Amino acid sequence: MRRLGELEAVIMDRLWAIDDSATVRDVFEQLQQERHIAYTTVMSTMDNLYRKGFLDRERDGRAYRYRTLNSRAAYRAELMQQALGTETDHEAVLTHFVGQLSEDERQRLQAVLQRTADGRREL
């Protein structure tokens, strides 16, 4: 999975926040409130996201309604997995990562690891 470009990330954030399908016009109108942007730029970017497999779309009259194919969390997890996959010393990378976490984040990570381990034992 490729990293998102700046505008792609902004559009995906809008669609993840909506948690529903949206037309190019819907997204364009939201973005217009924050920046000067052309409708065709939003349209071509959303089409690119569709072709790259980040979005699905269905016809709605003369327009398309777009929706995300994966959650924001799934996308971020894939990026983390790719970053880890490019390293040969996984233990060192993970050690540095965990060392940068706050105490609260470490506790949450431990809880997630425990739930994951418990779930695997049940499989």
PDB file of N, CA and C in Angstrom:
ATOM      1  N   MET A   1       0.845  -1.173   0.000  1.00  0.00           N
ATOM      2  CA  MET A   1       0.000   0.000   0.000  1.00  0.00           C
ATOM      3  C   MET A   1       0.895   1.241   0.000  1.00  0.00           C
ATOM      4  N   ARG A   2       0.620   2.139  -0.903  1.00  0.00           N
ATOM      5  CA  ARG A   2       1.380   3.383  -1.008  1.00  0.00           C
ATOM      6  C   ARG A   2       0.943   4.378   0.057  1.00  0.00           C
ATOM      7  N   ARG A   3       1.889   5.254   0.402  1.00  0.00           N
ATOM      8  CA  ARG A   3       1.540   6.383   1.267  1.00  0.00           C
ATOM      9  C   ARG A   3       0.677   7.333   0.464  1.00  0.00           C
ATOM     10  N   LEU A   4      -0.193   8.009   1.154  1.00  0.00           N
ATOM     11  CA  LEU A   4      -1.059   8.985   0.508  1.00  0.00           C
ATOM     12  C   LEU A   4      -0.312  10.297   0.317  1.00  0.00           C
ATOM     13  N   GLY A   5      -0.585  10.951  -0.811  1.00  0.00           N
ATOM     14  CA  GLY A   5      -0.078  12.296  -1.019  1.00  0.00           C
ATOM     15  C   GLY A   5      -0.832  13.265  -0.120  1.00  0.00           C
ATOM     16  N   GLU A   6      -0.393  14.522  -0.088  1.00  0.00           N
ATOM     17  CA  GLU A   6      -0.999  15.501   0.826  1.00  0.00           C
ATOM     18  C   GLU A   6      -2.501  15.664   0.592  1.00  0.00           C
ATOM     19  N   LEU A   7      -2.911  15.928  -0.644  1.00  0.00           N
ATOM     20  CA  LEU A   7      -4.334  16.115  -0.928  1.00  0.00           C
ATOM     21  C   LEU A   7      -5.098  14.803  -0.772  1.00  0.00           C
ATOM     22  N   GLU A   8      -4.492  13.699  -1.170  1.00  0.00           N
ATOM     23  CA  GLU A   8      -5.137  12.398  -0.982  1.00  0.00           C
ATOM     24  C   GLU A   8      -5.426  12.157   0.500  1.00  0.00           C
ATOM     25  N   ALA A   9      -4.466  12.488   1.357  1.00  0.00           N
ATOM     26  CA  ALA A   9      -4.644  12.292   2.799  1.00  0.00           C
ATOM     27  C   ALA A   9      -5.761  13.180   3.341  1.00  0.00           C
ATOM     28  N   VAL A  10      -5.832  14.414   2.869  1.00  0.00           N
ATOM     29  CA  VAL A  10      -6.891  15.328   3.314  1.00  0.00           C
ATOM     30  C   VAL A  10      -8.258  14.782   2.911  1.00  0.00           C
ATOM     31  N   ILE A  11      -8.365  14.313   1.681  1.00  0.00           N
ATOM     32  CA  ILE A  11      -9.638  13.767   1.192  1.00  0.00           C
ATOM     33  C   ILE A  11     -10.009  12.497   1.959  1.00  0.00           C
ATOM     34  N   MET A  12      -9.040  11.614   2.163  1.00  0.00           N
ATOM     35  CA  MET A  12      -9.326  10.397   2.919  1.00  0.00           C
ATOM     36  C   MET A  12      -9.749  10.736   4.349  1.00  0.00           C
ATOM     37  N   ASP A  13      -9.109  11.717   4.968  1.00  0.00           N
ATOM     38  CA  ASP A  13      -9.519  12.128   6.318  1.00  0.00           C
ATOM     39  C   ASP A  13     -10.971  12.581   6.334  1.00  0.00           C
ATOM     40  N   ARG A  14     -11.381  13.322   5.309  1.00  0.00           N
ATOM     41  CA  ARG A  14     -12.777  13.781   5.232  1.00  0.00           C
ATOM     42  C   ARG A  14     -13.716  12.586   5.116  1.00  0.00           C
ATOM     43  N   LEU A  15     -13.362  11.641   4.255  1.00  0.00           N
ATOM     44  CA  LEU A  15     -14.226  10.480   4.051  1.00  0.00           C
ATOM     45  C   LEU A  15     -14.256   9.583   5.286  1.00  0.00           C
ATOM     46  N   TRP A  16     -13.130   9.412   5.963  1.00  0.00           N
ATOM     47  CA  TRP A  16     -13.128   8.631   7.204  1.00  0.00           C
ATOM     48  C   TRP A  16     -13.987   9.314   8.259  1.00  0.00           C
ATOM     49  N   ALA A  17     -13.944  10.636   8.313  1.00  0.00           N
ATOM     50  CA  ALA A  17     -14.733  11.385   9.300  1.00  0.00           C
ATOM     51  C   ALA A  17     -16.229  11.283   9.015  1.00  0.00           C
ATOM     52  N   ILE A  18     -16.594  11.279   7.740  1.00  0.00           N
ATOM     53  CA  ILE A  18     -18.000  11.165   7.353  1.00  0.00           C
ATOM     54  C   ILE A  18     -18.536   9.791   7.720  1.00  0.00           C
ATOM     55  N   ASP A  19     -17.691   8.769   7.565  1.00  0.00           N
ATOM     56  CA  ASP A  19     -18.071   7.383   7.847  1.00  0.00           C
ATOM     57  C   ASP A  19     -19.295   6.964   7.037  1.00  0.00           C
ATOM     58  N   ASP A  20     -19.378   7.485   5.827  1.00  0.00           N
ATOM     59  CA  ASP A  20     -20.464   7.160   4.912  1.00  0.00           C
ATOM     60  C   ASP A  20     -19.950   7.484   3.514  1.00  0.00           C
ATOM     61  N   SER A  21     -20.754   7.249   2.526  1.00  0.00           N
ATOM     62  CA  SER A  21     -20.337   7.606   1.174  1.00  0.00           C
ATOM     63  C   SER A  21     -20.549   9.097   0.952  1.00  0.00           C
ATOM     64  N   ALA A  22     -19.809   9.637  -0.012  1.00  0.00           N
ATOM     65  CA  ALA A  22     -19.909  11.063  -0.323  1.00  0.00           C
ATOM     66  C   ALA A  22     -19.601  11.265  -1.799  1.00  0.00           C
ATOM     67  N   THR A  23     -20.178  12.293  -2.356  1.00  0.00           N
ATOM     68  CA  THR A  23     -19.889  12.655  -3.744  1.00  0.00           C
ATOM     69  C   THR A  23     -18.675  13.577  -3.775  1.00  0.00           C
ATOM     70  N   VAL A  24     -18.151  13.772  -4.972  1.00  0.00           N
ATOM     71  CA  VAL A  24     -17.070  14.738  -5.148  1.00  0.00           C
ATOM     72  C   VAL A  24     -17.536  16.107  -4.669  1.00  0.00           C
ATOM     73  N   ARG A  25     -18.763  16.480  -4.999  1.00  0.00           N
ATOM     74  CA  ARG A  25     -19.301  17.781  -4.579  1.00  0.00           C
ATOM     75  C   ARG A  25     -19.298  17.917  -3.059  1.00  0.00           C
ATOM     76  N   ASP A  26     -19.690  16.857  -2.337  1.00  0.00           N
ATOM     77  CA  ASP A  26     -19.687  16.894  -0.868  1.00  0.00           C
ATOM     78  C   ASP A  26     -18.293  17.216  -0.331  1.00  0.00           C
ATOM     79  N   VAL A  27     -17.308  16.499  -0.841  1.00  0.00           N
ATOM     80  CA  VAL A  27     -15.931  16.689  -0.378  1.00  0.00           C
ATOM     81  C   VAL A  27     -15.414  18.056  -0.811  1.00  0.00           C
ATOM     82  N   PHE A  28     -15.695  18.427  -2.055  1.00  0.00           N
ATOM     83  CA  PHE A  28     -15.269  19.732  -2.572  1.00  0.00           C
ATOM     84  C   PHE A  28     -15.801  20.862  -1.697  1.00  0.00           C
ATOM     85  N   GLU A  29     -17.070  20.812  -1.337  1.00  0.00           N
ATOM     86  CA  GLU A  29     -17.663  21.879  -0.524  1.00  0.00           C
ATOM     87  C   GLU A  29     -17.018  21.967   0.860  1.00  0.00           C
ATOM     88  N   GLN A  30     -16.650  20.833   1.422  1.00  0.00           N
ATOM     89  CA  GLN A  30     -15.944  20.854   2.708  1.00  0.00           C
ATOM     90  C   GLN A  30     -14.563  21.491   2.558  1.00  0.00           C
ATOM     91  N   LEU A  31     -13.854  21.085   1.514  1.00  0.00           N
ATOM     92  CA  LEU A  31     -12.499  21.603   1.311  1.00  0.00           C
ATOM     93  C   LEU A  31     -12.502  23.085   0.966  1.00  0.00           C
ATOM     94  N   GLN A  32     -13.536  23.535   0.246  1.00  0.00           N
ATOM     95  CA  GLN A  32     -13.656  24.950  -0.146  1.00  0.00           C
ATOM     96  C   GLN A  32     -13.668  25.862   1.068  1.00  0.00           C
ATOM     97  N   GLN A  33     -14.141  25.370   2.191  1.00  0.00           N
ATOM     98  CA  GLN A  33     -14.201  26.178   3.408  1.00  0.00           C
ATOM     99  C   GLN A  33     -12.813  26.458   3.981  1.00  0.00           C
ATOM    100  N   GLU A  34     -11.838  25.630   3.616  1.00  0.00           N
ATOM    101  CA  GLU A  34     -10.495  25.749   4.185  1.00  0.00           C
ATOM    102  C   GLU A  34      -9.440  26.231   3.202  1.00  0.00           C
ATOM    103  N   ARG A  35      -9.638  25.964   1.933  1.00  0.00           N
ATOM    104  CA  ARG A  35      -8.613  26.294   0.943  1.00  0.00           C
ATOM    105  C   ARG A  35      -9.247  26.542  -0.406  1.00  0.00           C
ATOM    106  N   HIS A  36      -8.523  27.264  -1.230  1.00  0.00           N
ATOM    107  CA  HIS A  36      -8.968  27.471  -2.604  1.00  0.00           C
ATOM    108  C   HIS A  36      -8.547  26.237  -3.400  1.00  0.00           C
ATOM    109  N   ILE A  37      -9.530  25.550  -3.953  1.00  0.00           N
ATOM    110  CA  ILE A  37      -9.246  24.324  -4.696  1.00  0.00           C
ATOM    111  C   ILE A  37     -10.279  24.174  -5.796  1.00  0.00           C
ATOM    112  N   ALA A  38      -9.854  23.635  -6.912  1.00  0.00           N
ATOM    113  CA  ALA A  38     -10.757  23.442  -8.046  1.00  0.00           C
ATOM    114  C   ALA A  38     -11.547  22.146  -7.875  1.00  0.00           C
ATOM    115  N   TYR A  39     -12.788  22.186  -8.305  1.00  0.00           N
ATOM    116  CA  TYR A  39     -13.646  20.997  -8.275  1.00  0.00           C
ATOM    117  C   TYR A  39     -12.976  19.855  -9.035  1.00  0.00           C
ATOM    118  N   THR A  40     -12.397  20.164 -10.198  1.00  0.00           N
ATOM    119  CA  THR A  40     -11.776  19.117 -11.019  1.00  0.00           C
ATOM    120  C   THR A  40     -10.572  18.492 -10.326  1.00  0.00           C
ATOM    121  N   THR A  41      -9.885  19.250  -9.479  1.00  0.00           N
ATOM    122  CA  THR A  41      -8.756  18.693  -8.723  1.00  0.00           C
ATOM    123  C   THR A  41      -9.258  17.656  -7.727  1.00  0.00           C
ATOM    124  N   VAL A  42     -10.338  17.972  -7.037  1.00  0.00           N
ATOM    125  CA  VAL A  42     -10.928  17.025  -6.086  1.00  0.00           C
ATOM    126  C   VAL A  42     -11.433  15.798  -6.841  1.00  0.00           C
ATOM    127  N   MET A  43     -12.085  16.020  -7.971  1.00  0.00           N
ATOM    128  CA  MET A  43     -12.629  14.916  -8.764  1.00  0.00           C
ATOM    129  C   MET A  43     -11.512  13.980  -9.238  1.00  0.00           C
ATOM    130  N   SER A  44     -10.442  14.533  -9.787  1.00  0.00           N
ATOM    131  CA  SER A  44      -9.368  13.676 -10.297  1.00  0.00           C
ATOM    132  C   SER A  44      -8.637  12.969  -9.153  1.00  0.00           C
ATOM    133  N   THR A  45      -8.501  13.633  -8.015  1.00  0.00           N
ATOM    134  CA  THR A  45      -7.841  12.998  -6.874  1.00  0.00           C
ATOM    135  C   THR A  45      -8.681  11.842  -6.339  1.00  0.00           C
ATOM    136  N   MET A  46      -9.981  12.033  -6.261  1.00  0.00           N
ATOM    137  CA  MET A  46     -10.851  10.946  -5.794  1.00  0.00           C
ATOM    138  C   MET A  46     -10.871   9.797  -6.797  1.00  0.00           C
ATOM    139  N   ASP A  47     -10.817  10.106  -8.083  1.00  0.00           N
ATOM    140  CA  ASP A  47     -10.730   9.061  -9.101  1.00  0.00           C
ATOM    141  C   ASP A  47      -9.419   8.293  -8.950  1.00  0.00           C
ATOM    142  N   ASN A  48      -8.325   9.004  -8.695  1.00  0.00           N
ATOM    143  CA  ASN A  48      -7.037   8.341  -8.472  1.00  0.00           C
ATOM    144  C   ASN A  48      -7.090   7.430  -7.251  1.00  0.00           C
ATOM    145  N   LEU A  49      -7.713   7.901  -6.176  1.00  0.00           N
ATOM    146  CA  LEU A  49      -7.846   7.076  -4.975  1.00  0.00           C
ATOM    147  C   LEU A  49      -8.680   5.826  -5.257  1.00  0.00           C
ATOM    148  N   TYR A  50      -9.676   5.949  -6.100  1.00  0.00           N
ATOM    149  CA  TYR A  50     -10.481   4.796  -6.516  1.00  0.00           C
ATOM    150  C   TYR A  50      -9.601   3.810  -7.298  1.00  0.00           C
ATOM    151  N   ARG A  51      -8.842   4.319  -8.271  1.00  0.00           N
ATOM    152  CA  ARG A  51      -8.001   3.443  -9.088  1.00  0.00           C
ATOM    153  C   ARG A  51      -6.882   2.788  -8.281  1.00  0.00           C
ATOM    154  N   LYS A  52      -6.431   3.449  -7.225  1.00  0.00           N
ATOM    155  CA  LYS A  52      -5.372   2.900  -6.372  1.00  0.00           C
ATOM    156  C   LYS A  52      -5.909   1.912  -5.337  1.00  0.00           C
ATOM    157  N   GLY A  53      -7.237   1.785  -5.242  1.00  0.00           N
ATOM    158  CA  GLY A  53      -7.825   0.818  -4.325  1.00  0.00           C
ATOM    159  C   GLY A  53      -8.115   1.341  -2.926  1.00  0.00           C
ATOM    160  N   PHE A  54      -8.074   2.659  -2.737  1.00  0.00           N
ATOM    161  CA  PHE A  54      -8.410   3.236  -1.438  1.00  0.00           C
ATOM    162  C   PHE A  54      -9.910   3.483  -1.305  1.00  0.00           C
ATOM    163  N   LEU A  55     -10.581   3.712  -2.429  1.00  0.00           N
ATOM    164  CA  LEU A  55     -12.009   4.030  -2.430  1.00  0.00           C
ATOM    165  C   LEU A  55     -12.776   3.074  -3.327  1.00  0.00           C
ATOM    166  N   ASP A  56     -14.040   2.914  -3.023  1.00  0.00           N
ATOM    167  CA  ASP A  56     -14.984   2.247  -3.909  1.00  0.00           C
ATOM    168  C   ASP A  56     -15.977   3.321  -4.337  1.00  0.00           C
ATOM    169  N   ARG A  57     -16.680   3.069  -5.424  1.00  0.00           N
ATOM    170  CA  ARG A  57     -17.664   4.054  -5.862  1.00  0.00           C
ATOM    171  C   ARG A  57     -18.833   3.358  -6.526  1.00  0.00           C
ATOM    172  N   GLU A  58     -19.967   4.042  -6.480  1.00  0.00           N
ATOM    173  CA  GLU A  58     -21.160   3.553  -7.173  1.00  0.00           C
ATOM    174  C   GLU A  58     -21.882   4.748  -7.766  1.00  0.00           C
ATOM    175  N   ARG A  59     -22.553   4.491  -8.863  1.00  0.00           N
ATOM    176  CA  ARG A  59     -23.294   5.562  -9.546  1.00  0.00           C
ATOM    177  C   ARG A  59     -24.457   6.032  -8.696  1.00  0.00           C
ATOM    178  N   ASP A  60     -24.636   7.339  -8.693  1.00  0.00           N
ATOM    179  CA  ASP A  60     -25.778   7.962  -8.024  1.00  0.00           C
ATOM    180  C   ASP A  60     -26.263   9.053  -8.972  1.00  0.00           C
ATOM    181  N   GLY A  61     -27.142   8.680  -9.887  1.00  0.00           N
ATOM    182  CA  GLY A  61     -27.554   9.620 -10.935  1.00  0.00           C
ATOM    183  C   GLY A  61     -26.398   9.853 -11.890  1.00  0.00           C
ATOM    184  N   ARG A  62     -26.024  11.118 -12.056  1.00  0.00           N
ATOM    185  CA  ARG A  62     -24.907  11.439 -12.946  1.00  0.00           C
ATOM    186  C   ARG A  62     -23.568  11.481 -12.222  1.00  0.00           C
ATOM    187  N   ALA A  63     -23.596  11.324 -10.914  1.00  0.00           N
ATOM    188  CA  ALA A  63     -22.369  11.410 -10.111  1.00  0.00           C
ATOM    189  C   ALA A  63     -22.017  10.041  -9.536  1.00  0.00           C
ATOM    190  N   TYR A  64     -20.854   9.965  -8.939  1.00  0.00           N
ATOM    191  CA  TYR A  64     -20.446   8.783  -8.183  1.00  0.00           C
ATOM    192  C   TYR A  64     -20.493   9.114  -6.700  1.00  0.00           C
ATOM    193  N   ARG A  65     -20.845   8.114  -5.905  1.00  0.00           N
ATOM    194  CA  ARG A  65     -20.708   8.208  -4.450  1.00  0.00           C
ATOM    195  C   ARG A  65     -19.507   7.341  -4.086  1.00  0.00           C
ATOM    196  N   TYR A  66     -18.585   7.923  -3.361  1.00  0.00           N
ATOM    197  CA  TYR A  66     -17.349   7.241  -2.972  1.00  0.00           C
ATOM    198  C   TYR A  66     -17.410   6.861  -1.503  1.00  0.00           C
ATOM    199  N   ARG A  67     -16.775   5.749  -1.169  1.00  0.00           N
ATOM    200  CA  ARG A  67     -16.637   5.343   0.229  1.00  0.00           C
ATOM    201  C   ARG A  67     -15.274   4.687   0.398  1.00  0.00           C
ATOM    202  N   THR A  68     -14.754   4.763   1.602  1.00  0.00           N
ATOM    203  CA  THR A  68     -13.440   4.178   1.872  1.00  0.00           C
ATOM    204  C   THR A  68     -13.555   2.657   1.917  1.00  0.00           C
ATOM    205  N   LEU A  69     -12.503   1.992   1.504  1.00  0.00           N
ATOM    206  CA  LEU A  69     -12.485   0.532   1.543  1.00  0.00           C
ATOM    207  C   LEU A  69     -11.905   0.000   2.848  1.00  0.00           C
ATOM    208  N   ASN A  70     -11.086   0.804   3.513  1.00  0.00           N
ATOM    209  CA  ASN A  70     -10.494   0.400   4.786  1.00  0.00           C
ATOM    210  C   ASN A  70     -10.607   1.545   5.782  1.00  0.00           C
ATOM    211  N   SER A  71     -10.533   1.213   7.044  1.00  0.00           N
ATOM    212  CA  SER A  71     -10.577   2.235   8.091  1.00  0.00           C
ATOM    213  C   SER A  71      -9.244   2.970   8.163  1.00  0.00           C
ATOM    214  N   ARG A  72      -9.266   4.109   8.813  1.00  0.00           N
ATOM    215  CA  ARG A  72      -8.031   4.869   9.044  1.00  0.00           C
ATOM    216  C   ARG A  72      -7.044   4.008   9.829  1.00  0.00           C
ATOM    217  N   ALA A  73      -7.532   3.290  10.838  1.00  0.00           N
ATOM    218  CA  ALA A  73      -6.659   2.444  11.654  1.00  0.00           C
ATOM    219  C   ALA A  73      -6.011   1.346  10.814  1.00  0.00           C
ATOM    220  N   ALA A  74      -6.773   0.738   9.910  1.00  0.00           N
ATOM    221  CA  ALA A  74      -6.220  -0.313   9.050  1.00  0.00           C
ATOM    222  C   ALA A  74      -5.143   0.253   8.127  1.00  0.00           C
ATOM    223  N   TYR A  75      -5.371   1.455   7.603  1.00  0.00           N
ATOM    224  CA  TYR A  75      -4.374   2.102   6.741  1.00  0.00           C
ATOM    225  C   TYR A  75      -3.091   2.375   7.517  1.00  0.00           C
ATOM    226  N   ARG A  76      -3.224   2.951   8.716  1.00  0.00           N
ATOM    227  CA  ARG A  76      -2.042   3.267   9.531  1.00  0.00           C
ATOM    228  C   ARG A  76      -1.294   1.985   9.924  1.00  0.00           C
ATOM    229  N   ALA A  77      -2.033   0.943  10.251  1.00  0.00           N
ATOM    230  CA  ALA A  77      -1.401  -0.326  10.612  1.00  0.00           C
ATOM    231  C   ALA A  77      -0.614  -0.893   9.437  1.00  0.00           C
ATOM    232  N   GLU A  78      -1.154  -0.775   8.237  1.00  0.00           N
ATOM    233  CA  GLU A  78      -0.450  -1.248   7.042  1.00  0.00           C
ATOM    234  C   GLU A  78       0.842  -0.459   6.830  1.00  0.00           C
ATOM    235  N   LEU A  79       0.802   0.851   7.044  1.00  0.00           N
ATOM    236  CA  LEU A  79       2.020   1.666   6.929  1.00  0.00           C
ATOM    237  C   LEU A  79       3.068   1.229   7.947  1.00  0.00           C
ATOM    238  N   MET A  80       2.627   0.956   9.168  1.00  0.00           N
ATOM    239  CA  MET A  80       3.560   0.501  10.202  1.00  0.00           C
ATOM    240  C   MET A  80       4.164  -0.850   9.818  1.00  0.00           C
ATOM    241  N   GLN A  81       3.342  -1.736   9.295  1.00  0.00           N
ATOM    242  CA  GLN A  81       3.825  -3.055   8.881  1.00  0.00           C
ATOM    243  C   GLN A  81       4.832  -2.926   7.748  1.00  0.00           C
ATOM    244  N   GLN A  82       4.572  -2.046   6.795  1.00  0.00           N
ATOM    245  CA  GLN A  82       5.515  -1.828   5.697  1.00  0.00           C
ATOM    246  C   GLN A  82       6.835  -1.271   6.206  1.00  0.00           C
ATOM    247  N   ALA A  83       6.762  -0.320   7.127  1.00  0.00           N
ATOM    248  CA  ALA A  83       7.987   0.260   7.682  1.00  0.00           C
ATOM    249  C   ALA A  83       8.802  -0.812   8.402  1.00  0.00           C
ATOM    250  N   LEU A  84       8.147  -1.642   9.150  1.00  0.00           N
ATOM    251  CA  LEU A  84       8.832  -2.714   9.857  1.00  0.00           C
ATOM    252  C   LEU A  84       9.395  -3.736   8.873  1.00  0.00           C
ATOM    253  N   GLY A  85       8.654  -3.991   7.806  1.00  0.00           N
ATOM    254  CA  GLY A  85       9.074  -4.982   6.826  1.00  0.00           C
ATOM    255  C   GLY A  85      10.324  -4.607   6.055  1.00  0.00           C
ATOM    256  N   THR A  86      10.661  -3.320   6.015  1.00  0.00           N
ATOM    257  CA  THR A  86      11.856  -2.892   5.280  1.00  0.00           C
ATOM    258  C   THR A  86      13.119  -3.022   6.120  1.00  0.00           C
ATOM    259  N   GLU A  87      12.985  -3.324   7.392  1.00  0.00           N
ATOM    260  CA  GLU A  87      14.128  -3.438   8.299  1.00  0.00           C
ATOM    261  C   GLU A  87      14.499  -4.899   8.501  1.00  0.00           C
ATOM    262  N   THR A  88      15.787  -5.150   8.689  1.00  0.00           N
ATOM    263  CA  THR A  88      16.230  -6.522   8.944  1.00  0.00           C
ATOM    264  C   THR A  88      16.272  -6.834  10.438  1.00  0.00           C
ATOM    265  N   ASP A  89      16.446  -5.813  11.268  1.00  0.00           N
ATOM    266  CA  ASP A  89      16.514  -6.011  12.715  1.00  0.00           C
ATOM    267  C   ASP A  89      15.209  -5.537  13.355  1.00  0.00           C
ATOM    268  N   HIS A  90      14.187  -6.368  13.253  1.00  0.00           N
ATOM    269  CA  HIS A  90      12.867  -6.007  13.776  1.00  0.00           C
ATOM    270  C   HIS A  90      12.905  -5.708  15.269  1.00  0.00           C
ATOM    271  N   GLU A  91      13.680  -6.490  16.010  1.00  0.00           N
ATOM    272  CA  GLU A  91      13.723  -6.302  17.460  1.00  0.00           C
ATOM    273  C   GLU A  91      14.251  -4.915  17.821  1.00  0.00           C
ATOM    274  N   ALA A  92      15.287  -4.457  17.134  1.00  0.00           N
ATOM    275  CA  ALA A  92      15.846  -3.129  17.421  1.00  0.00           C
ATOM    276  C   ALA A  92      14.837  -2.033  17.094  1.00  0.00           C
ATOM    277  N   VAL A  93      14.153  -2.169  15.967  1.00  0.00           N
ATOM    278  CA  VAL A  93      13.160  -1.166  15.575  1.00  0.00           C
ATOM    279  C   VAL A  93      12.030  -1.130  16.593  1.00  0.00           C
ATOM    280  N   LEU A  94      11.530  -2.287  16.971  1.00  0.00           N
ATOM    281  CA  LEU A  94      10.439  -2.347  17.947  1.00  0.00           C
ATOM    282  C   LEU A  94      10.879  -1.817  19.312  1.00  0.00           C
ATOM    283  N   THR A  95      12.113  -2.111  19.702  1.00  0.00           N
ATOM    284  CA  THR A  95      12.633  -1.614  20.975  1.00  0.00           C
ATOM    285  C   THR A  95      12.671  -0.092  20.984  1.00  0.00           C
ATOM    286  N   HIS A  96      13.150   0.506  19.913  1.00  0.00           N
ATOM    287  CA  HIS A  96      13.182   1.969  19.822  1.00  0.00           C
ATOM    288  C   HIS A  96      11.770   2.546  19.798  1.00  0.00           C
ATOM    289  N   PHE A  97      10.885   1.890  19.081  1.00  0.00           N
ATOM    290  CA  PHE A  97       9.501   2.363  19.011  1.00  0.00           C
ATOM    291  C   PHE A  97       8.866   2.372  20.398  1.00  0.00           C
ATOM    292  N   VAL A  98       8.961   1.252  21.092  1.00  0.00           N
ATOM    293  CA  VAL A  98       8.357   1.144  22.420  1.00  0.00           C
ATOM    294  C   VAL A  98       9.022   2.124  23.388  1.00  0.00           C
ATOM    295  N   GLY A  99      10.313   2.342  23.229  1.00  0.00           N
ATOM    296  CA  GLY A  99      11.023   3.287  24.085  1.00  0.00           C
ATOM    297  C   GLY A  99      10.545   4.719  23.936  1.00  0.00           C
ATOM    298  N   GLN A 100       9.926   5.034  22.819  1.00  0.00           N
ATOM    299  CA  GLN A 100       9.429   6.389  22.575  1.00  0.00           C
ATOM    300  C   GLN A 100       7.988   6.584  23.050  1.00  0.00           C
ATOM    301  N   LEU A 101       7.348   5.517  23.487  1.00  0.00           N
ATOM    302  CA  LEU A 101       5.961   5.611  23.939  1.00  0.00           C
ATOM    303  C   LEU A 101       5.880   6.190  25.345  1.00  0.00           C
ATOM    304  N   SER A 102       4.792   6.880  25.617  1.00  0.00           N
ATOM    305  CA  SER A 102       4.528   7.339  26.983  1.00  0.00           C
ATOM    306  C   SER A 102       4.114   6.128  27.820  1.00  0.00           C
ATOM    307  N   GLU A 103       4.093   6.305  29.121  1.00  0.00           N
ATOM    308  CA  GLU A 103       3.684   5.209  30.006  1.00  0.00           C
ATOM    309  C   GLU A 103       2.257   4.761  29.685  1.00  0.00           C
ATOM    310  N   ASP A 104       1.372   5.709  29.442  1.00  0.00           N
ATOM    311  CA  ASP A 104      -0.015   5.384  29.098  1.00  0.00           C
ATOM    312  C   ASP A 104      -0.074   4.587  27.790  1.00  0.00           C
ATOM    313  N   GLU A 105       0.700   5.005  26.804  1.00  0.00           N
ATOM    314  CA  GLU A 105       0.714   4.289  25.520  1.00  0.00           C
ATOM    315  C   GLU A 105       1.273   2.882  25.688  1.00  0.00           C
ATOM    316  N   ARG A 106       2.293   2.727  26.532  1.00  0.00           N
ATOM    317  CA  ARG A 106       2.848   1.388  26.788  1.00  0.00           C
ATOM    318  C   ARG A 106       1.796   0.476  27.425  1.00  0.00           C
ATOM    319  N   GLN A 107       1.052   1.024  28.372  1.00  0.00           N
ATOM    320  CA  GLN A 107       0.015   0.224  29.033  1.00  0.00           C
ATOM    321  C   GLN A 107      -1.068  -0.189  28.039  1.00  0.00           C
ATOM    322  N   ARG A 108      -1.439   0.737  27.160  1.00  0.00           N
ATOM    323  CA  ARG A 108      -2.443   0.389  26.143  1.00  0.00           C
ATOM    324  C   ARG A 108      -1.899  -0.669  25.192  1.00  0.00           C
ATOM    325  N   LEU A 109      -0.626  -0.557  24.815  1.00  0.00           N
ATOM    326  CA  LEU A 109      -0.005  -1.556  23.942  1.00  0.00           C
ATOM    327  C   LEU A 109       0.011  -2.917  24.629  1.00  0.00           C
ATOM    328  N   GLN A 110       0.365  -2.943  25.906  1.00  0.00           N
ATOM    329  CA  GLN A 110       0.366  -4.209  26.643  1.00  0.00           C
ATOM    330  C   GLN A 110      -1.029  -4.827  26.686  1.00  0.00           C
ATOM    331  N   ALA A 111      -2.041  -4.000  26.874  1.00  0.00           N
ATOM    332  CA  ALA A 111      -3.417  -4.503  26.905  1.00  0.00           C
ATOM    333  C   ALA A 111      -3.814  -5.088  25.553  1.00  0.00           C
ATOM    334  N   VAL A 112      -3.438  -4.413  24.481  1.00  0.00           N
ATOM    335  CA  VAL A 112      -3.747  -4.913  23.133  1.00  0.00           C
ATOM    336  C   VAL A 112      -3.024  -6.234  22.886  1.00  0.00           C
ATOM    337  N   LEU A 113      -1.757  -6.304  23.257  1.00  0.00           N
ATOM    338  CA  LEU A 113      -0.992  -7.542  23.069  1.00  0.00           C
ATOM    339  C   LEU A 113      -1.603  -8.684  23.872  1.00  0.00           C
ATOM    340  N   GLN A 114      -2.062  -8.386  25.072  1.00  0.00           N
ATOM    341  CA  GLN A 114      -2.686  -9.423  25.899  1.00  0.00           C
ATOM    342  C   GLN A 114      -3.986  -9.915  25.264  1.00  0.00           C
ATOM    343  N   ARG A 115      -4.817  -8.979  24.795  1.00  0.00           N
ATOM    344  CA  ARG A 115      -6.073  -9.384  24.134  1.00  0.00           C
ATOM    345  C   ARG A 115      -5.781 -10.204  22.885  1.00  0.00           C
ATOM    346  N   THR A 116      -4.771  -9.811  22.132  1.00  0.00           N
ATOM    347  CA  THR A 116      -4.406 -10.544  20.917  1.00  0.00           C
ATOM    348  C   THR A 116      -3.933 -11.947  21.267  1.00  0.00           C
ATOM    349  N   ALA A 117      -3.092 -12.052  22.283  1.00  0.00           N
ATOM    350  CA  ALA A 117      -2.593 -13.365  22.707  1.00  0.00           C
ATOM    351  C   ALA A 117      -3.736 -14.238  23.204  1.00  0.00           C
ATOM    352  N   ASP A 118      -4.654 -13.660  23.968  1.00  0.00           N
ATOM    353  CA  ASP A 118      -5.810 -14.418  24.460  1.00  0.00           C
ATOM    354  C   ASP A 118      -6.664 -14.904  23.295  1.00  0.00           C
ATOM    355  N   GLY A 119      -6.854 -14.070  22.312  1.00  0.00           N
ATOM    356  CA  GLY A 119      -7.654 -14.427  21.138  1.00  0.00           C
ATOM    357  C   GLY A 119      -7.021 -15.534  20.329  1.00  0.00           C
ATOM    358  N   ARG A 120      -5.719 -15.507  20.214  1.00  0.00           N
ATOM    359  CA  ARG A 120      -5.026 -16.548  19.447  1.00  0.00           C
ATOM    360  C   ARG A 120      -5.098 -17.890  20.153  1.00  0.00           C
ATOM    361  N   ARG A 121      -5.069 -17.862  21.478  1.00  0.00           N
ATOM    362  CA  ARG A 121      -5.174 -19.120  22.218  1.00  0.00           C
ATOM    363  C   ARG A 121      -6.535 -19.761  22.005  1.00  0.00           C
ATOM    364  N   GLU A 122      -7.549 -18.921  21.790  1.00  0.00           N
ATOM    365  CA  GLU A 122      -8.902 -19.446  21.604  1.00  0.00           C
ATOM    366  C   GLU A 122      -9.112 -20.002  20.205  1.00  0.00           C
ATOM    367  N   LEU A 123      -8.290 -19.586  19.250  1.00  0.00           N
ATOM    368  CA  LEU A 123      -8.464 -20.057  17.870  1.00  0.00           C
ATOM    369  C   LEU A 123      -8.141 -21.472  17.740  1.00  0.00           C
TER     370      LEU A 123
END
